[in-house]
Amino acid sequence: MTFWSFVDAAVTRTARQLPGTDTDATRLVLTLYRVTNMVVYDLESSVHRPRGWSWPGFRLLFVLWLAGPLEAGRAAELSGMSRQAVSALTNTLERQGLVSRAPSARDGRSVRLSLTDTGQRAIADAFAAHNERERLWAASLSAEEQATLVRLLGKLGSAAQHSEIRRR
């Protein structure tokens, strides 16, 4: 069995074990999960780990770079992480001189995260390399296919609006 033939085997075996299984849904989610992991692994191993960052660390830096200083809870929401994960990452990124924290002016119980000057330069440099990898991945699809995939993934993501679907 190979990485990709596993999807076929999983679909066949689950349908046999549990008649009535929605095999198209199984194939969709397994394929989406596998491709997502491949892309994340490539980006993390080629761009982020050499800089001493994890994928979540990059995501937090990226959010702060684009959104500017944020309260930790809002940074967690925009990066798709828990508040605890953002807190732990902030400790690491602060030690690396990339992020600083200060008490929130709006809520004394919260902290406001911001990039340091070093962090600003580091994330800009990292994103340039990150985007080159993104370009390699996207090159396998035509511009029309890319637009279609983005539209379809957006439609799939909108399923999180249903009350029975959990999301962060």
N, C-alpha and C. Protein backbone atom coordinates (compact mmCIF):
# COMPACT_ATOMS: atom_id res chain seq x y z
N MET A 1 0.84 -1.17 0.00
CA MET A 1 0.00 0.00 0.00
C MET A 1 0.89 1.24 0.00
N THR A 2 0.52 2.21 -0.79
CA THR A 2 1.26 3.47 -0.86
C THR A 2 0.47 4.57 -0.14
N PHE A 3 1.09 5.71 -0.05
CA PHE A 3 0.46 6.87 0.58
C PHE A 3 -0.91 7.15 -0.03
N TRP A 4 -1.00 7.16 -1.36
CA TRP A 4 -2.25 7.48 -2.04
C TRP A 4 -3.18 6.29 -2.17
N SER A 5 -2.63 5.10 -2.33
CA SER A 5 -3.53 3.94 -2.45
C SER A 5 -4.24 3.66 -1.12
N PHE A 6 -3.70 4.20 -0.03
CA PHE A 6 -4.37 4.05 1.26
C PHE A 6 -5.77 4.65 1.21
N VAL A 7 -5.93 5.78 0.53
CA VAL A 7 -7.24 6.42 0.43
C VAL A 7 -8.21 5.46 -0.25
N ASP A 8 -7.79 4.86 -1.37
CA ASP A 8 -8.64 3.89 -2.07
C ASP A 8 -8.98 2.72 -1.16
N ALA A 9 -7.97 2.21 -0.47
CA ALA A 9 -8.19 1.06 0.42
C ALA A 9 -9.13 1.44 1.57
N ALA A 10 -8.96 2.62 2.13
CA ALA A 10 -9.82 3.07 3.23
C ALA A 10 -11.27 3.17 2.77
N VAL A 11 -11.47 3.73 1.60
CA VAL A 11 -12.83 3.89 1.08
C VAL A 11 -13.46 2.52 0.83
N THR A 12 -12.72 1.62 0.21
CA THR A 12 -13.24 0.28 -0.09
C THR A 12 -13.56 -0.49 1.18
N ARG A 13 -12.64 -0.45 2.13
CA ARG A 13 -12.82 -1.23 3.36
C ARG A 13 -13.91 -0.67 4.27
N THR A 14 -14.00 0.64 4.36
CA THR A 14 -15.06 1.19 5.21
C THR A 14 -16.43 0.90 4.61
N ALA A 15 -16.54 0.95 3.29
CA ALA A 15 -17.83 0.64 2.65
C ALA A 15 -18.22 -0.81 2.88
N ARG A 16 -17.22 -1.68 2.89
CA ARG A 16 -17.48 -3.10 3.13
C ARG A 16 -17.84 -3.35 4.59
N GLN A 17 -17.14 -2.69 5.51
CA GLN A 17 -17.36 -2.90 6.95
C GLN A 17 -18.65 -2.23 7.42
N LEU A 18 -18.95 -1.07 6.85
CA LEU A 18 -20.11 -0.29 7.28
C LEU A 18 -20.95 0.10 6.06
N PRO A 19 -21.80 -0.78 5.61
CA PRO A 19 -22.65 -0.44 4.45
C PRO A 19 -23.41 0.86 4.72
N GLY A 20 -23.52 1.66 3.72
CA GLY A 20 -24.17 2.96 3.88
C GLY A 20 -23.19 4.08 4.11
N THR A 21 -21.90 3.76 4.23
CA THR A 21 -20.88 4.79 4.40
C THR A 21 -20.88 5.70 3.18
N ASP A 22 -20.77 6.99 3.41
CA ASP A 22 -20.67 7.96 2.32
C ASP A 22 -19.21 7.97 1.86
N THR A 23 -18.90 7.13 0.89
CA THR A 23 -17.51 6.96 0.45
C THR A 23 -16.97 8.21 -0.24
N ASP A 24 -17.84 8.98 -0.89
CA ASP A 24 -17.37 10.22 -1.51
C ASP A 24 -16.89 11.20 -0.43
N ALA A 25 -17.63 11.28 0.67
CA ALA A 25 -17.22 12.17 1.77
C ALA A 25 -15.91 11.67 2.39
N THR A 26 -15.80 10.35 2.55
CA THR A 26 -14.56 9.78 3.10
C THR A 26 -13.38 10.10 2.20
N ARG A 27 -13.55 9.91 0.91
CA ARG A 27 -12.47 10.19 -0.05
C ARG A 27 -12.10 11.68 -0.02
N LEU A 28 -13.12 12.54 0.02
CA LEU A 28 -12.87 13.99 0.05
C LEU A 28 -12.06 14.38 1.27
N VAL A 29 -12.49 13.96 2.45
CA VAL A 29 -11.82 14.38 3.67
C VAL A 29 -10.43 13.77 3.78
N LEU A 30 -10.27 12.50 3.45
CA LEU A 30 -8.93 11.88 3.50
C LEU A 30 -7.97 12.55 2.53
N THR A 31 -8.46 12.84 1.33
CA THR A 31 -7.60 13.49 0.33
C THR A 31 -7.24 14.90 0.76
N LEU A 32 -8.22 15.65 1.24
CA LEU A 32 -7.96 17.00 1.72
C LEU A 32 -6.95 17.00 2.86
N TYR A 33 -7.13 16.08 3.79
CA TYR A 33 -6.22 15.97 4.93
C TYR A 33 -4.79 15.63 4.47
N ARG A 34 -4.68 14.68 3.56
CA ARG A 34 -3.35 14.27 3.10
C ARG A 34 -2.65 15.38 2.34
N VAL A 35 -3.36 16.06 1.45
CA VAL A 35 -2.75 17.14 0.68
C VAL A 35 -2.37 18.29 1.60
N THR A 36 -3.24 18.63 2.53
CA THR A 36 -2.94 19.70 3.48
C THR A 36 -1.67 19.37 4.27
N ASN A 37 -1.57 18.16 4.74
CA ASN A 37 -0.37 17.76 5.49
C ASN A 37 0.89 17.81 4.63
N MET A 38 0.76 17.44 3.37
CA MET A 38 1.92 17.51 2.47
C MET A 38 2.40 18.95 2.30
N VAL A 39 1.46 19.87 2.07
CA VAL A 39 1.80 21.27 1.87
C VAL A 39 2.41 21.84 3.15
N VAL A 40 1.77 21.60 4.29
CA VAL A 40 2.28 22.12 5.57
C VAL A 40 3.67 21.56 5.86
N TYR A 41 3.86 20.25 5.64
CA TYR A 41 5.18 19.66 5.90
C TYR A 41 6.24 20.31 5.01
N ASP A 42 5.93 20.50 3.74
CA ASP A 42 6.89 21.12 2.82
C ASP A 42 7.24 22.53 3.27
N LEU A 43 6.23 23.33 3.59
CA LEU A 43 6.49 24.70 4.02
C LEU A 43 7.27 24.74 5.32
N GLU A 44 6.86 23.91 6.26
CA GLU A 44 7.52 23.91 7.56
C GLU A 44 8.97 23.44 7.44
N SER A 45 9.20 22.37 6.70
CA SER A 45 10.55 21.81 6.64
C SER A 45 11.49 22.64 5.76
N SER A 46 10.97 23.28 4.73
CA SER A 46 11.86 24.02 3.83
C SER A 46 12.00 25.50 4.19
N VAL A 47 10.99 26.06 4.85
CA VAL A 47 11.02 27.50 5.14
C VAL A 47 11.09 27.80 6.63
N HIS A 48 10.23 27.19 7.43
CA HIS A 48 10.07 27.63 8.81
C HIS A 48 11.03 26.98 9.80
N ARG A 49 11.20 25.68 9.74
CA ARG A 49 12.13 25.03 10.69
C ARG A 49 13.56 25.56 10.55
N PRO A 50 14.05 25.81 9.31
CA PRO A 50 15.40 26.38 9.22
C PRO A 50 15.54 27.73 9.94
N ARG A 51 14.44 28.41 10.18
CA ARG A 51 14.46 29.68 10.90
C ARG A 51 14.21 29.48 12.40
N GLY A 52 14.01 28.23 12.81
CA GLY A 52 13.75 27.94 14.21
C GLY A 52 12.29 28.09 14.60
N TRP A 53 11.39 28.07 13.60
CA TRP A 53 9.97 28.23 13.85
C TRP A 53 9.21 26.95 13.54
N SER A 54 8.08 26.81 14.16
CA SER A 54 7.13 25.76 13.82
C SER A 54 6.09 26.37 12.87
N TRP A 55 5.23 25.52 12.32
CA TRP A 55 4.13 26.02 11.50
C TRP A 55 3.23 26.96 12.32
N PRO A 56 2.83 26.58 13.54
CA PRO A 56 2.02 27.52 14.34
C PRO A 56 2.77 28.82 14.65
N GLY A 57 4.06 28.74 14.88
CA GLY A 57 4.84 29.95 15.13
C GLY A 57 4.80 30.89 13.94
N PHE A 58 4.96 30.34 12.75
CA PHE A 58 4.86 31.15 11.54
C PHE A 58 3.47 31.79 11.44
N ARG A 59 2.43 30.99 11.70
CA ARG A 59 1.06 31.51 11.58
C ARG A 59 0.84 32.69 12.52
N LEU A 60 1.33 32.61 13.74
CA LEU A 60 1.17 33.71 14.68
C LEU A 60 1.94 34.94 14.21
N LEU A 61 3.17 34.76 13.77
CA LEU A 61 3.96 35.88 13.26
C LEU A 61 3.27 36.51 12.05
N PHE A 62 2.75 35.68 11.17
CA PHE A 62 2.07 36.14 9.96
C PHE A 62 0.84 36.99 10.32
N VAL A 63 0.05 36.53 11.28
CA VAL A 63 -1.14 37.28 11.71
C VAL A 63 -0.73 38.63 12.29
N LEU A 64 0.28 38.64 13.14
CA LEU A 64 0.73 39.90 13.74
C LEU A 64 1.32 40.84 12.69
N TRP A 65 1.96 40.27 11.70
CA TRP A 65 2.55 41.06 10.62
C TRP A 65 1.45 41.75 9.81
N LEU A 66 0.40 41.02 9.50
CA LEU A 66 -0.65 41.57 8.65
C LEU A 66 -1.70 42.37 9.41
N ALA A 67 -2.03 41.95 10.61
CA ALA A 67 -3.10 42.61 11.36
C ALA A 67 -2.57 43.67 12.32
N GLY A 68 -1.27 43.66 12.57
CA GLY A 68 -0.70 44.61 13.51
C GLY A 68 -0.86 44.11 14.94
N PRO A 69 -0.51 44.93 15.92
CA PRO A 69 -0.63 44.51 17.31
C PRO A 69 -2.06 44.07 17.63
N LEU A 70 -2.16 42.96 18.37
CA LEU A 70 -3.45 42.38 18.71
C LEU A 70 -3.45 41.86 20.12
N GLU A 71 -4.64 41.85 20.72
CA GLU A 71 -4.78 41.15 21.99
C GLU A 71 -4.60 39.66 21.71
N ALA A 72 -4.06 38.94 22.67
CA ALA A 72 -3.72 37.53 22.47
C ALA A 72 -4.93 36.70 22.02
N GLY A 73 -6.09 36.96 22.57
CA GLY A 73 -7.29 36.21 22.20
C GLY A 73 -7.66 36.41 20.74
N ARG A 74 -7.53 37.63 20.26
CA ARG A 74 -7.83 37.92 18.85
C ARG A 74 -6.78 37.27 17.95
N ALA A 75 -5.52 37.29 18.36
CA ALA A 75 -4.46 36.63 17.60
C ALA A 75 -4.73 35.14 17.51
N ALA A 76 -5.21 34.56 18.60
CA ALA A 76 -5.56 33.13 18.60
C ALA A 76 -6.67 32.86 17.60
N GLU A 77 -7.69 33.68 17.62
CA GLU A 77 -8.82 33.51 16.71
C GLU A 77 -8.38 33.60 15.25
N LEU A 78 -7.61 34.62 14.91
CA LEU A 78 -7.19 34.82 13.52
C LEU A 78 -6.20 33.77 13.03
N SER A 79 -5.42 33.20 13.95
CA SER A 79 -4.44 32.19 13.55
C SER A 79 -5.00 30.78 13.62
N GLY A 80 -6.22 30.64 14.15
CA GLY A 80 -6.84 29.32 14.25
C GLY A 80 -6.26 28.46 15.35
N MET A 81 -5.76 29.11 16.41
CA MET A 81 -5.16 28.38 17.52
C MET A 81 -5.90 28.68 18.81
N SER A 82 -5.64 27.88 19.82
CA SER A 82 -6.20 28.14 21.13
C SER A 82 -5.41 29.27 21.80
N ARG A 83 -6.02 29.87 22.81
CA ARG A 83 -5.31 30.92 23.57
C ARG A 83 -4.08 30.34 24.27
N GLN A 84 -4.21 29.11 24.74
CA GLN A 84 -3.07 28.47 25.41
C GLN A 84 -1.91 28.28 24.44
N ALA A 85 -2.22 27.87 23.21
CA ALA A 85 -1.16 27.68 22.22
C ALA A 85 -0.49 29.01 21.90
N VAL A 86 -1.27 30.06 21.76
CA VAL A 86 -0.71 31.39 21.48
C VAL A 86 0.16 31.84 22.65
N SER A 87 -0.26 31.58 23.86
CA SER A 87 0.52 31.96 25.03
C SER A 87 1.88 31.24 25.03
N ALA A 88 1.85 29.95 24.79
CA ALA A 88 3.11 29.17 24.76
C ALA A 88 4.01 29.63 23.62
N LEU A 89 3.42 29.87 22.46
CA LEU A 89 4.22 30.34 21.31
C LEU A 89 4.80 31.72 21.58
N THR A 90 4.02 32.56 22.21
CA THR A 90 4.50 33.91 22.51
C THR A 90 5.73 33.85 23.40
N ASN A 91 5.75 32.95 24.36
CA ASN A 91 6.94 32.80 25.21
C ASN A 91 8.16 32.50 24.36
N THR A 92 8.02 31.55 23.44
CA THR A 92 9.14 31.16 22.57
C THR A 92 9.55 32.31 21.66
N LEU A 93 8.57 32.92 20.99
CA LEU A 93 8.88 33.99 20.03
C LEU A 93 9.41 35.24 20.73
N GLU A 94 9.00 35.45 21.97
CA GLU A 94 9.53 36.57 22.75
C GLU A 94 11.00 36.32 23.09
N ARG A 95 11.32 35.08 23.47
CA ARG A 95 12.72 34.73 23.76
C ARG A 95 13.61 34.90 22.51
N GLN A 96 13.02 34.66 21.35
CA GLN A 96 13.76 34.81 20.09
C GLN A 96 13.86 36.28 19.65
N GLY A 97 13.22 37.17 20.40
CA GLY A 97 13.27 38.60 20.08
C GLY A 97 12.36 39.00 18.93
N LEU A 98 11.34 38.19 18.62
CA LEU A 98 10.47 38.45 17.47
C LEU A 98 9.14 39.09 17.87
N VAL A 99 8.68 38.82 19.08
CA VAL A 99 7.38 39.31 19.55
C VAL A 99 7.57 39.96 20.91
N SER A 100 6.80 41.01 21.14
CA SER A 100 6.77 41.61 22.48
C SER A 100 5.33 41.62 22.95
N ARG A 101 5.18 41.68 24.27
CA ARG A 101 3.83 41.75 24.84
C ARG A 101 3.78 42.90 25.83
N ALA A 102 2.58 43.46 25.91
CA ALA A 102 2.35 44.57 26.83
C ALA A 102 0.92 44.44 27.35
N PRO A 103 0.64 44.98 28.52
CA PRO A 103 -0.74 44.93 29.01
C PRO A 103 -1.67 45.64 28.01
N SER A 104 -2.84 45.09 27.84
CA SER A 104 -3.83 45.69 26.96
C SER A 104 -4.38 46.96 27.59
N ALA A 105 -4.48 48.02 26.80
CA ALA A 105 -5.05 49.27 27.31
C ALA A 105 -6.55 49.14 27.50
N ARG A 106 -7.18 48.25 26.74
CA ARG A 106 -8.63 48.06 26.78
C ARG A 106 -9.06 47.14 27.91
N ASP A 107 -8.24 46.12 28.19
CA ASP A 107 -8.61 45.11 29.18
C ASP A 107 -7.36 44.74 29.95
N GLY A 108 -7.28 45.13 31.20
CA GLY A 108 -6.08 44.91 32.01
C GLY A 108 -5.72 43.45 32.21
N ARG A 109 -6.68 42.54 31.99
CA ARG A 109 -6.40 41.11 32.16
C ARG A 109 -5.75 40.50 30.92
N SER A 110 -5.79 41.22 29.83
CA SER A 110 -5.30 40.69 28.56
C SER A 110 -3.96 41.33 28.21
N VAL A 111 -3.24 40.65 27.31
CA VAL A 111 -1.98 41.22 26.81
C VAL A 111 -2.13 41.52 25.33
N ARG A 112 -1.38 42.49 24.89
CA ARG A 112 -1.35 42.90 23.49
C ARG A 112 -0.02 42.42 22.91
N LEU A 113 -0.11 41.69 21.81
CA LEU A 113 1.09 41.15 21.17
C LEU A 113 1.46 42.01 19.97
N SER A 114 2.74 42.19 19.77
CA SER A 114 3.20 42.91 18.59
C SER A 114 4.55 42.37 18.17
N LEU A 115 4.85 42.58 16.90
CA LEU A 115 6.15 42.18 16.37
C LEU A 115 7.19 43.22 16.77
N THR A 116 8.37 42.76 17.06
CA THR A 116 9.50 43.66 17.26
C THR A 116 10.00 44.04 15.87
N ASP A 117 10.95 44.98 15.82
CA ASP A 117 11.55 45.32 14.52
C ASP A 117 12.22 44.09 13.91
N THR A 118 12.88 43.30 14.76
CA THR A 118 13.51 42.07 14.29
C THR A 118 12.45 41.11 13.76
N GLY A 119 11.33 41.01 14.45
CA GLY A 119 10.23 40.16 14.02
C GLY A 119 9.66 40.61 12.69
N GLN A 120 9.51 41.92 12.50
CA GLN A 120 9.00 42.47 11.24
C GLN A 120 9.90 42.05 10.07
N ARG A 121 11.21 42.20 10.26
CA ARG A 121 12.14 41.83 9.19
C ARG A 121 12.14 40.33 8.95
N ALA A 122 12.08 39.55 10.04
CA ALA A 122 12.13 38.09 9.92
C ALA A 122 10.92 37.54 9.20
N ILE A 123 9.72 38.03 9.53
CA ILE A 123 8.52 37.49 8.89
C ILE A 123 8.44 37.94 7.43
N ALA A 124 8.87 39.13 7.11
CA ALA A 124 8.87 39.57 5.72
C ALA A 124 9.80 38.69 4.89
N ASP A 125 10.98 38.41 5.42
CA ASP A 125 11.93 37.53 4.73
C ASP A 125 11.39 36.11 4.61
N ALA A 126 10.81 35.61 5.69
CA ALA A 126 10.26 34.25 5.68
C ALA A 126 9.09 34.14 4.71
N PHE A 127 8.24 35.17 4.66
CA PHE A 127 7.10 35.07 3.77
C PHE A 127 7.53 35.07 2.31
N ALA A 128 8.58 35.76 1.98
CA ALA A 128 9.07 35.73 0.60
C ALA A 128 9.44 34.30 0.21
N ALA A 129 10.15 33.59 1.10
CA ALA A 129 10.51 32.19 0.84
C ALA A 129 9.27 31.30 0.88
N HIS A 130 8.37 31.56 1.79
CA HIS A 130 7.12 30.81 1.92
C HIS A 130 6.30 30.93 0.63
N ASN A 131 6.21 32.14 0.11
CA ASN A 131 5.42 32.37 -1.10
C ASN A 131 6.04 31.68 -2.32
N GLU A 132 7.35 31.56 -2.34
CA GLU A 132 7.99 30.80 -3.43
C GLU A 132 7.54 29.35 -3.41
N ARG A 133 7.45 28.77 -2.21
CA ARG A 133 6.96 27.38 -2.08
C ARG A 133 5.49 27.30 -2.47
N GLU A 134 4.70 28.31 -2.05
CA GLU A 134 3.29 28.34 -2.45
C GLU A 134 3.17 28.36 -3.97
N ARG A 135 4.02 29.13 -4.60
CA ARG A 135 4.00 29.24 -6.06
C ARG A 135 4.29 27.88 -6.70
N LEU A 136 5.23 27.12 -6.12
CA LEU A 136 5.52 25.78 -6.64
C LEU A 136 4.31 24.86 -6.55
N TRP A 137 3.62 24.91 -5.42
CA TRP A 137 2.42 24.08 -5.25
C TRP A 137 1.33 24.51 -6.21
N ALA A 138 1.11 25.80 -6.33
CA ALA A 138 0.02 26.30 -7.17
C ALA A 138 0.29 26.08 -8.66
N ALA A 139 1.54 25.96 -9.04
CA ALA A 139 1.89 25.83 -10.46
C ALA A 139 1.32 24.56 -11.11
N SER A 140 0.93 23.58 -10.31
CA SER A 140 0.38 22.36 -10.91
C SER A 140 -1.06 22.56 -11.38
N LEU A 141 -1.65 23.68 -11.06
CA LEU A 141 -3.02 24.00 -11.48
C LEU A 141 -3.01 25.24 -12.36
N SER A 142 -3.92 25.30 -13.33
CA SER A 142 -4.08 26.51 -14.13
C SER A 142 -4.68 27.60 -13.25
N ALA A 143 -4.65 28.83 -13.73
CA ALA A 143 -5.24 29.93 -12.98
C ALA A 143 -6.73 29.68 -12.75
N GLU A 144 -7.40 29.14 -13.74
CA GLU A 144 -8.83 28.83 -13.59
C GLU A 144 -9.06 27.73 -12.56
N GLU A 145 -8.21 26.70 -12.59
CA GLU A 145 -8.33 25.62 -11.60
C GLU A 145 -8.06 26.13 -10.19
N GLN A 146 -7.07 27.02 -10.07
CA GLN A 146 -6.79 27.59 -8.75
C GLN A 146 -8.00 28.36 -8.22
N ALA A 147 -8.61 29.18 -9.08
CA ALA A 147 -9.77 29.96 -8.67
C ALA A 147 -10.93 29.04 -8.28
N THR A 148 -11.10 27.97 -9.06
CA THR A 148 -12.18 27.01 -8.76
C THR A 148 -11.93 26.32 -7.42
N LEU A 149 -10.69 25.90 -7.19
CA LEU A 149 -10.37 25.22 -5.93
C LEU A 149 -10.57 26.16 -4.75
N VAL A 150 -10.13 27.40 -4.86
CA VAL A 150 -10.32 28.37 -3.78
C VAL A 150 -11.82 28.56 -3.52
N ARG A 151 -12.60 28.66 -4.58
CA ARG A 151 -14.06 28.83 -4.42
C ARG A 151 -14.67 27.62 -3.74
N LEU A 152 -14.26 26.41 -4.16
CA LEU A 152 -14.80 25.19 -3.57
C LEU A 152 -14.38 25.02 -2.11
N LEU A 153 -13.14 25.33 -1.81
CA LEU A 153 -12.69 25.24 -0.42
C LEU A 153 -13.40 26.27 0.46
N GLY A 154 -13.66 27.45 -0.10
CA GLY A 154 -14.43 28.45 0.63
C GLY A 154 -15.84 27.94 0.93
N LYS A 155 -16.42 27.26 -0.06
CA LYS A 155 -17.75 26.69 0.13
C LYS A 155 -17.72 25.60 1.20
N LEU A 156 -16.69 24.77 1.17
CA LEU A 156 -16.53 23.73 2.19
C LEU A 156 -16.33 24.36 3.56
N GLY A 157 -15.50 25.39 3.62
CA GLY A 157 -15.25 26.09 4.88
C GLY A 157 -16.49 26.75 5.45
N SER A 158 -17.39 27.17 4.59
CA SER A 158 -18.61 27.80 5.08
C SER A 158 -19.50 26.81 5.79
N ALA A 159 -19.23 25.51 5.64
CA ALA A 159 -20.00 24.49 6.37
C ALA A 159 -19.83 24.65 7.88
N ALA A 160 -18.78 25.34 8.30
CA ALA A 160 -18.55 25.55 9.73
C ALA A 160 -19.63 26.42 10.34
N GLN A 161 -20.45 27.04 9.51
CA GLN A 161 -21.55 27.86 10.02
C GLN A 161 -22.68 27.01 10.56
N HIS A 162 -22.71 25.72 10.15
CA HIS A 162 -23.75 24.82 10.65
C HIS A 162 -23.50 24.56 12.13
N SER A 163 -24.55 24.55 12.90
CA SER A 163 -24.40 24.44 14.36
C SER A 163 -23.77 23.12 14.79
N GLU A 164 -23.92 22.07 14.00
CA GLU A 164 -23.38 20.77 14.44
C GLU A 164 -21.89 20.58 14.09
N ILE A 165 -21.31 21.50 13.36
CA ILE A 165 -19.90 21.39 12.99
C ILE A 165 -19.08 22.22 13.97
N ARG A 166 -18.09 21.58 14.55
CA ARG A 166 -17.21 22.25 15.52
C ARG A 166 -16.09 22.95 14.81
N ARG A 167 -15.71 24.07 15.36
CA ARG A 167 -14.56 24.80 14.82
C ARG A 167 -13.90 25.56 15.94
N ARG A 168 -12.69 25.99 15.69
CA ARG A 168 -11.94 26.75 16.69
C ARG A 168 -12.30 28.20 16.58
